[in-house]
Structure formats: structure tokens, C-alpha cells
Amino acid sequence: MGIGRGRRRWREPAGRGPPVLHPSLPLLSTALSSGGVRPFHLHLVSDSTGETLDVIAKAALAQFEQLETQRHFWPLVRSEGHLERVMREVEAHPGLVLHTLVARRLRDRLEESCQRIGVPALAVLDPIVFAVARLVGQAARPRPGGRHVMDAAYFQRIDAINYTLAHDDGQGPEGWDEADFVLVGVSRSSKTPTSIYLANRGYKVANTPLVPGRPPDPRLDELRRPRIVGLTMAPERLVQIRRARLASTGAPVRHDYVDPECVAREVAEARRHFLERGWPVIDVSRRSIEETAAAILTLAERP
């Protein structure tokens, strides 16, 4: 299938913002409500890595329960030939098309093709870009992959990731003072994944474990630059995570590592250490890694 031109071409009304949804949306929504489309196909079309689309799509889909979704991911679409291949799949599996295409030529071709085959298309960044342009009085300069320029921020992020990997699980204490954050907590309290997530945001993060019956590493008390944050978790939740971890690795089970009473004492001891040193504490029992990281960054804004 080539990309044909539709009879009608969507044009932005004079003096108004870009369309939020393709006008063919009612056609698909009628089919969905009548059970005509199963599962719900979601096509993510990007001229870059597609990270932005992926995050937006996940956030949107999280608002719906029991929605069977088939996601089709199309990154680095920068030629008409590539777009033709994508549209063949869209026609074979019709659904909602979300895109962040910047080049006007490709955008027009995609929207015309969606119009012709009767599927909705949404340029997810258009409402934001248009609103910013209106407020600042400056026209946007479209740049495919604009988020991924290899600038100073990019190399800062790479440096942060390298630092964080080298200072995981108590390693490299002599370099802790270079960190933005040092995370402290008992085993399996999400120190490492939270550290790596923050590193991908450009923050240098070290983490070190608390061992039952021992005080925190005394070098922590000498740090001046980093914000030290204690991570804690409800004992019953911690036991679940530890048991699951041991089962997945086949490691031998230590009684004190998963015994509810021992774990409760371990968590209480850790909280006592945090309180004595005045370190802020975040309970990660029901938080995602992203939510924990957001809470840490909120703490960093406080004096």
C-alpha cells in the first residue's frame, strides 16, 4: 500500500491552535464501543527515540482498567519510505495513532493517510508547543529529535550514570562527597533502582546499605555536600520482596533475612539511625521508583 492522498486535507483554522484530534476519531470510537475493535491498537510514531511518546502513552493507558492494548512502536521515522511501511501496519491494525513528527512533509503524509483509512491521529506535543508560542510570542523551530542533542546536559547525564554505577551498594566511599544524594537503607529498600533512575535524570547518586546490628558508615557523618536520604519500608512488604528475590535467584534462605520479627526489628533500628542523625526519611512501601525519585527531588528543594 502506498500512502494515498485523502480527499479532504486538515488545515489549521486561522488564528487558532493546531487540531487536538484527527476528525476521524468518532469513526474509531464507535467501533470500539460496539466491540468491533479488539484489542485496542495504539501506534506510536516518532522521528526520534520515542521516549516522549512512550511515557505519554503509558500515563494515558494507566487511566483505563481492563483495557487490552496492543502497542506498536515506530521510532526514528524520518523518511517517506519508512512512513509507508508504518502506514501499512496501521491499516492492517487500525487504532489510535500518536506521533511527534516534526517535519511538515511527513506530518502531512501521515495525517492524510490516517484520514484516508479512517483512523485518528494525534500530534501529542502540538497543544503544548502552541500554548508556549502564544505566551512567549515566539515561533517554535521544529527539530526532529530535539530532546537528544549531545550538549552539556547529555554529557552530564552520562557522567552521572557512570558515577552512580561506581558508587552502588557502599562502593567508593571516598567519592561520596561528589554526590548530589546518598541513599541509605536496609537491603531491598529500592536504593539501587532509585539511584539509577535519578542518574538518568542527571544526578550523581551513591547508596549504601544498613547492616543489622551495625551503625551507619561513619564517613556519612562527615559529608557536607550531598543530601543524605533514608529509605524505609513496611516490614511485611520488605519480607515479600526479599522472599521473591531469593526465589528468583535460588539463593539460600537466611532465617533473619525474611523472618517477620527480625525484619521488623531491622526496619525499626534503621529508622532510629535516621532520626538520630536528622536524615529525611521516605517510605517506599507503596511507591514506584519514579515516585520515590520525585519525593527525593522535592526534599532537595528544601533549605
Protein backbone atom coordinates (compact mmCIF):
# COMPACT_ATOMS: atom_id res chain seq x y z
CA MET A 1 0.00 0.00 0.00
CA GLY A 2 1.33 3.42 -0.88
CA ILE A 3 0.39 6.48 1.06
CA GLY A 4 -2.53 7.98 -0.80
CA ARG A 5 -3.84 11.49 -0.57
CA GLY A 6 -7.18 11.94 1.10
CA ARG A 7 -9.96 13.96 -0.45
CA ARG A 8 -10.01 16.34 2.47
CA ARG A 9 -6.92 17.84 3.97
CA TRP A 10 -6.92 19.12 7.53
CA ARG A 11 -5.90 22.73 7.79
CA GLU A 12 -5.35 24.69 10.96
CA PRO A 13 -8.04 27.38 11.29
CA ALA A 14 -6.67 30.89 11.05
CA GLY A 15 -5.87 32.37 14.43
CA ARG A 16 -6.42 29.13 16.30
CA GLY A 17 -4.24 26.35 17.64
CA PRO A 18 -3.47 23.03 15.98
CA PRO A 19 -6.16 20.34 15.97
CA VAL A 20 -6.16 18.19 19.06
CA LEU A 21 -7.67 15.11 17.40
CA HIS A 22 -8.00 13.98 13.84
CA PRO A 23 -11.60 14.43 12.65
CA SER A 24 -11.99 10.70 12.01
CA LEU A 25 -11.90 9.92 15.75
CA PRO A 26 -15.69 9.33 16.06
CA LEU A 27 -15.44 6.53 13.50
CA LEU A 28 -13.00 4.55 15.62
CA SER A 29 -14.69 5.32 18.94
CA THR A 30 -17.97 3.97 17.56
CA ALA A 31 -16.24 0.76 16.54
CA LEU A 32 -14.60 0.42 19.94
CA SER A 33 -17.81 0.96 21.87
CA SER A 34 -19.62 -1.61 19.75
CA GLY A 35 -16.92 -4.22 20.29
CA GLY A 36 -15.76 -4.00 16.69
CA VAL A 37 -12.08 -3.47 17.52
CA ARG A 38 -10.31 -5.89 19.85
CA PRO A 39 -7.70 -5.36 21.12
CA PHE A 40 -7.20 -1.63 21.08
CA HIS A 41 -4.24 -0.91 18.80
CA LEU A 42 -2.05 2.05 19.68
CA HIS A 43 0.57 3.20 17.18
CA LEU A 44 3.41 5.39 18.47
CA VAL A 45 5.23 7.15 15.63
CA SER A 46 8.32 9.24 16.37
CA ASP A 47 11.14 10.80 14.38
CA SER A 48 13.44 10.25 17.37
CA THR A 49 13.79 7.59 20.07
CA GLY A 50 10.10 7.67 21.02
CA GLU A 51 10.73 8.13 24.74
CA THR A 52 8.31 11.04 24.97
CA LEU A 53 5.53 9.12 23.27
CA ASP A 54 6.15 6.05 25.37
CA VAL A 55 5.83 7.97 28.64
CA ILE A 56 2.70 9.81 27.49
CA ALA A 57 1.07 6.63 26.24
CA LYS A 58 1.75 4.74 29.47
CA ALA A 59 0.36 7.62 31.55
CA ALA A 60 -2.80 7.74 29.42
CA LEU A 61 -3.38 3.99 29.38
CA ALA A 62 -2.98 3.83 33.15
CA GLN A 63 -6.29 5.71 33.42
CA PHE A 64 -8.21 2.76 31.99
CA GLU A 65 -8.97 -0.55 33.67
CA GLN A 66 -9.05 -3.87 31.87
CA LEU A 67 -8.16 -2.34 28.52
CA GLU A 68 -6.47 -4.86 26.27
CA THR A 69 -3.95 -2.83 24.33
CA GLN A 70 -1.55 -3.76 21.56
CA ARG A 71 1.19 -1.13 21.29
CA HIS A 72 3.06 -0.68 18.02
CA PHE A 73 6.27 1.30 18.46
CA TRP A 74 7.76 3.11 15.45
CA PRO A 75 10.88 5.17 16.35
CA LEU A 76 13.24 7.07 14.00
CA VAL A 77 10.66 7.60 11.25
CA ARG A 78 12.41 10.21 9.10
CA SER A 79 11.69 9.20 5.50
CA GLU A 80 8.60 8.72 3.37
CA GLY A 81 9.63 5.14 2.66
CA HIS A 82 9.74 4.33 6.36
CA LEU A 83 6.42 6.07 6.89
CA GLU A 84 4.84 3.98 4.13
CA ARG A 85 5.86 0.80 5.94
CA VAL A 86 4.39 2.15 9.16
CA MET A 87 1.11 3.06 7.49
CA ARG A 88 0.76 -0.41 6.02
CA GLU A 89 0.80 -1.75 9.57
CA VAL A 90 -1.62 0.93 10.75
CA GLU A 91 -4.05 -0.06 8.00
CA ALA A 92 -3.66 -3.74 8.92
CA HIS A 93 -4.21 -2.97 12.63
CA PRO A 94 -6.33 0.20 12.80
CA GLY A 95 -6.31 2.14 16.03
CA LEU A 96 -5.16 5.42 17.53
CA VAL A 97 -2.00 6.96 16.06
CA LEU A 98 0.06 9.15 18.38
CA HIS A 99 3.01 10.96 16.85
CA THR A 100 5.70 13.53 17.50
CA LEU A 101 6.74 14.06 13.87
CA VAL A 102 8.24 17.48 13.33
CA ALA A 103 8.91 17.63 9.58
CA ARG A 104 5.84 19.16 7.94
CA ARG A 105 6.12 16.92 4.88
CA LEU A 106 5.98 13.73 6.96
CA ARG A 107 3.25 15.09 9.22
CA ASP A 108 1.05 15.92 6.25
CA ARG A 109 1.59 12.50 4.71
CA LEU A 110 0.81 10.70 7.96
CA GLU A 111 -2.33 12.73 8.65
CA GLU A 112 -3.59 12.40 5.07
CA SER A 113 -3.06 8.63 5.21
CA CYS A 114 -4.85 8.35 8.55
CA GLN A 115 -7.71 10.41 7.12
CA ARG A 116 -7.96 8.10 4.11
CA ILE A 117 -8.09 4.86 6.08
CA GLY A 118 -10.31 6.30 8.81
CA VAL A 119 -8.12 6.24 11.92
CA PRO A 120 -7.49 9.12 14.33
CA ALA A 121 -4.10 10.80 14.55
CA LEU A 122 -2.90 12.99 17.39
CA ALA A 123 0.25 15.15 17.46
CA VAL A 124 0.75 14.96 21.20
CA LEU A 125 3.12 17.91 21.59
CA ASP A 126 1.15 20.39 19.47
CA PRO A 127 -1.09 21.78 22.23
CA ILE A 128 1.92 22.42 24.48
CA VAL A 129 4.11 23.92 21.74
CA PHE A 130 1.25 26.14 20.57
CA ALA A 131 0.48 27.35 24.10
CA VAL A 132 4.14 28.19 24.76
CA ALA A 133 4.42 30.01 21.43
CA ARG A 134 1.34 32.09 22.20
CA LEU A 135 2.56 33.02 25.68
CA VAL A 136 6.15 33.91 24.78
CA GLY A 137 5.37 35.43 21.39
CA GLN A 138 7.95 33.29 19.65
CA ALA A 139 7.51 30.74 16.90
CA ALA A 140 8.83 27.24 17.55
CA ARG A 141 11.69 25.96 15.41
CA PRO A 142 10.90 22.32 14.60
CA ARG A 143 13.84 19.98 15.21
CA PRO A 144 13.48 16.20 14.89
CA GLY A 145 14.98 14.54 17.97
CA GLY A 146 15.40 17.91 19.66
CA ARG A 147 15.47 16.29 23.10
CA HIS A 148 18.51 14.22 22.26
CA VAL A 149 21.09 16.81 21.32
CA MET A 150 24.57 15.84 22.54
CA ASP A 151 25.00 19.00 24.58
CA ALA A 152 26.43 19.67 28.03
CA ALA A 153 23.33 18.24 29.71
CA TYR A 154 23.73 14.99 27.76
CA PHE A 155 27.32 14.51 28.90
CA GLN A 156 26.34 15.48 32.44
CA ARG A 157 23.81 12.66 32.41
CA ILE A 158 26.41 10.17 31.15
CA ASP A 159 28.79 11.31 33.87
CA ALA A 160 26.06 10.90 36.48
CA ILE A 161 25.30 7.36 35.33
CA ASN A 162 28.98 6.37 35.44
CA TYR A 163 29.34 7.88 38.91
CA THR A 164 26.24 6.15 40.23
CA LEU A 165 27.25 2.71 38.95
CA ALA A 166 30.68 3.12 40.56
CA HIS A 167 29.15 4.09 43.92
CA ASP A 168 26.45 1.45 44.24
CA ASP A 169 25.94 -0.61 47.39
CA GLY A 170 28.57 1.15 49.52
CA GLN A 171 31.31 1.28 46.90
CA GLY A 172 33.77 4.15 46.61
CA PRO A 173 33.04 5.94 49.91
CA GLU A 174 36.00 8.25 49.30
CA GLY A 175 33.98 9.79 46.45
CA TRP A 176 30.65 10.20 48.26
CA ASP A 177 31.18 13.90 48.77
CA GLU A 178 30.84 14.42 45.00
CA ALA A 179 27.28 13.03 45.04
CA ASP A 180 24.09 15.02 44.84
CA PHE A 181 22.37 12.40 47.00
CA VAL A 182 23.41 9.48 49.15
CA LEU A 183 20.65 6.93 49.76
CA VAL A 184 20.79 4.82 52.90
CA GLY A 185 18.55 1.89 53.78
CA VAL A 186 18.23 -1.77 54.61
CA SER A 187 18.64 -4.45 51.97
CA ARG A 188 15.95 -4.44 49.24
CA SER A 189 14.62 -0.96 50.03
CA SER A 190 14.99 0.10 46.35
CA LYS A 191 18.24 2.03 46.80
CA THR A 192 19.89 0.86 43.57
CA PRO A 193 16.97 1.26 41.12
CA THR A 194 16.15 4.67 42.57
CA SER A 195 19.80 5.71 42.25
CA ILE A 196 19.94 4.64 38.61
CA TYR A 197 16.68 6.40 37.80
CA LEU A 198 17.98 9.64 39.29
CA ALA A 199 21.26 9.20 37.44
CA ASN A 200 19.33 9.09 34.19
CA ARG A 201 17.93 12.47 35.20
CA GLY A 202 21.48 13.80 35.56
CA TYR A 203 22.03 13.43 39.33
CA LYS A 204 25.05 11.75 40.88
CA VAL A 205 23.78 9.28 43.48
CA ALA A 206 25.62 6.98 45.85
CA ASN A 207 23.91 4.41 48.03
CA THR A 208 24.98 2.31 50.96
CA PRO A 209 23.24 -0.44 52.94
CA LEU A 210 22.45 -0.57 56.63
CA VAL A 211 23.55 -3.86 58.16
CA PRO A 212 21.55 -5.07 61.19
CA GLY A 213 23.42 -4.59 64.46
CA ARG A 214 25.88 -2.09 62.98
CA PRO A 215 25.79 1.71 62.90
CA PRO A 216 25.80 3.51 59.53
CA ASP A 217 29.17 4.06 57.90
CA PRO A 218 30.81 6.84 60.00
CA ARG A 219 32.01 8.56 56.82
CA LEU A 220 28.40 9.58 56.20
CA ASP A 221 28.58 11.95 59.17
CA GLU A 222 31.50 13.78 57.58
CA LEU A 223 29.74 14.58 54.29
CA ARG A 224 28.85 18.20 53.62
CA ARG A 225 27.70 18.43 50.01
CA PRO A 226 25.28 15.55 49.39
CA ARG A 227 21.74 15.35 50.71
CA ILE A 228 21.54 12.07 52.64
CA VAL A 229 18.14 10.38 52.45
CA GLY A 230 16.96 7.34 54.38
CA LEU A 231 14.70 4.85 52.60
CA THR A 232 12.38 2.69 54.68
CA MET A 233 9.66 0.17 54.01
CA ALA A 234 6.88 -1.59 55.90
CA PRO A 235 8.33 -4.84 57.31
CA GLU A 236 5.64 -7.08 55.76
CA ARG A 237 6.25 -5.55 52.33
CA LEU A 238 10.02 -5.93 52.75
CA VAL A 239 9.61 -9.61 53.64
CA GLN A 240 7.57 -10.17 50.46
CA ILE A 241 10.21 -8.52 48.28
CA ARG A 242 13.08 -10.39 49.91
CA ARG A 243 11.37 -13.76 49.57
CA ALA A 244 10.59 -13.09 45.92
CA ARG A 245 14.19 -12.08 45.32
CA LEU A 246 15.57 -15.22 46.94
CA ALA A 247 13.14 -17.39 44.97
CA SER A 248 14.16 -15.81 41.67
CA THR A 249 17.88 -16.23 42.30
CA GLY A 250 17.78 -19.60 44.02
CA ALA A 251 19.94 -18.24 46.84
CA PRO A 252 19.82 -19.99 50.22
CA VAL A 253 17.34 -18.51 52.69
CA ARG A 254 18.71 -16.90 55.85
CA HIS A 255 16.16 -17.02 58.65
CA ASP A 256 16.84 -13.50 59.92
CA TYR A 257 16.63 -12.07 56.38
CA VAL A 258 12.98 -12.99 55.88
CA ASP A 259 11.66 -13.64 59.40
CA PRO A 260 8.91 -11.04 60.05
CA GLU A 261 10.04 -10.30 63.61
CA CYS A 262 13.70 -9.95 62.65
CA VAL A 263 12.83 -7.71 59.71
CA ALA A 264 10.59 -5.54 61.89
CA ARG A 265 13.48 -5.00 64.31
CA GLU A 266 15.83 -4.26 61.40
CA VAL A 267 13.47 -1.60 60.00
CA ALA A 268 12.95 -0.04 63.44
CA GLU A 269 16.71 0.10 64.00
CA ALA A 270 17.21 1.81 60.63
CA ARG A 271 14.54 4.40 61.45
CA ARG A 272 16.28 5.09 64.74
CA HIS A 273 19.56 5.74 62.94
CA PHE A 274 17.83 8.14 60.54
CA LEU A 275 16.15 10.03 63.37
CA GLU A 276 19.34 10.34 65.44
CA ARG A 277 21.19 11.89 62.51
CA GLY A 278 18.38 14.09 61.30
CA TRP A 279 18.22 12.48 57.87
CA PRO A 280 14.93 12.84 55.99
CA VAL A 281 13.10 9.55 55.52
CA ILE A 282 10.96 8.34 52.62
CA ASP A 283 8.68 5.33 53.00
CA VAL A 284 8.89 3.42 49.71
CA SER A 285 6.43 0.66 50.65
CA ARG A 286 3.85 1.56 48.01
CA ARG A 287 5.82 3.98 45.88
CA SER A 288 7.07 3.33 42.38
CA ILE A 289 10.71 4.13 41.64
CA GLU A 290 9.55 7.27 39.83
CA GLU A 291 7.50 8.40 42.83
CA THR A 292 10.40 7.80 45.20
CA ALA A 293 12.73 9.81 42.97
CA ALA A 294 10.20 12.65 42.80
CA ALA A 295 9.99 12.71 46.59
CA ILE A 296 13.78 12.86 46.84
CA LEU A 297 13.95 15.78 44.42
CA THR A 298 11.24 17.56 46.42
CA LEU A 299 13.39 17.19 49.53
CA ALA A 300 16.32 18.70 47.67
CA GLU A 301 14.36 21.90 47.11
CA ARG A 302 14.01 22.45 50.84
CA PRO A 303 16.63 24.53 52.65
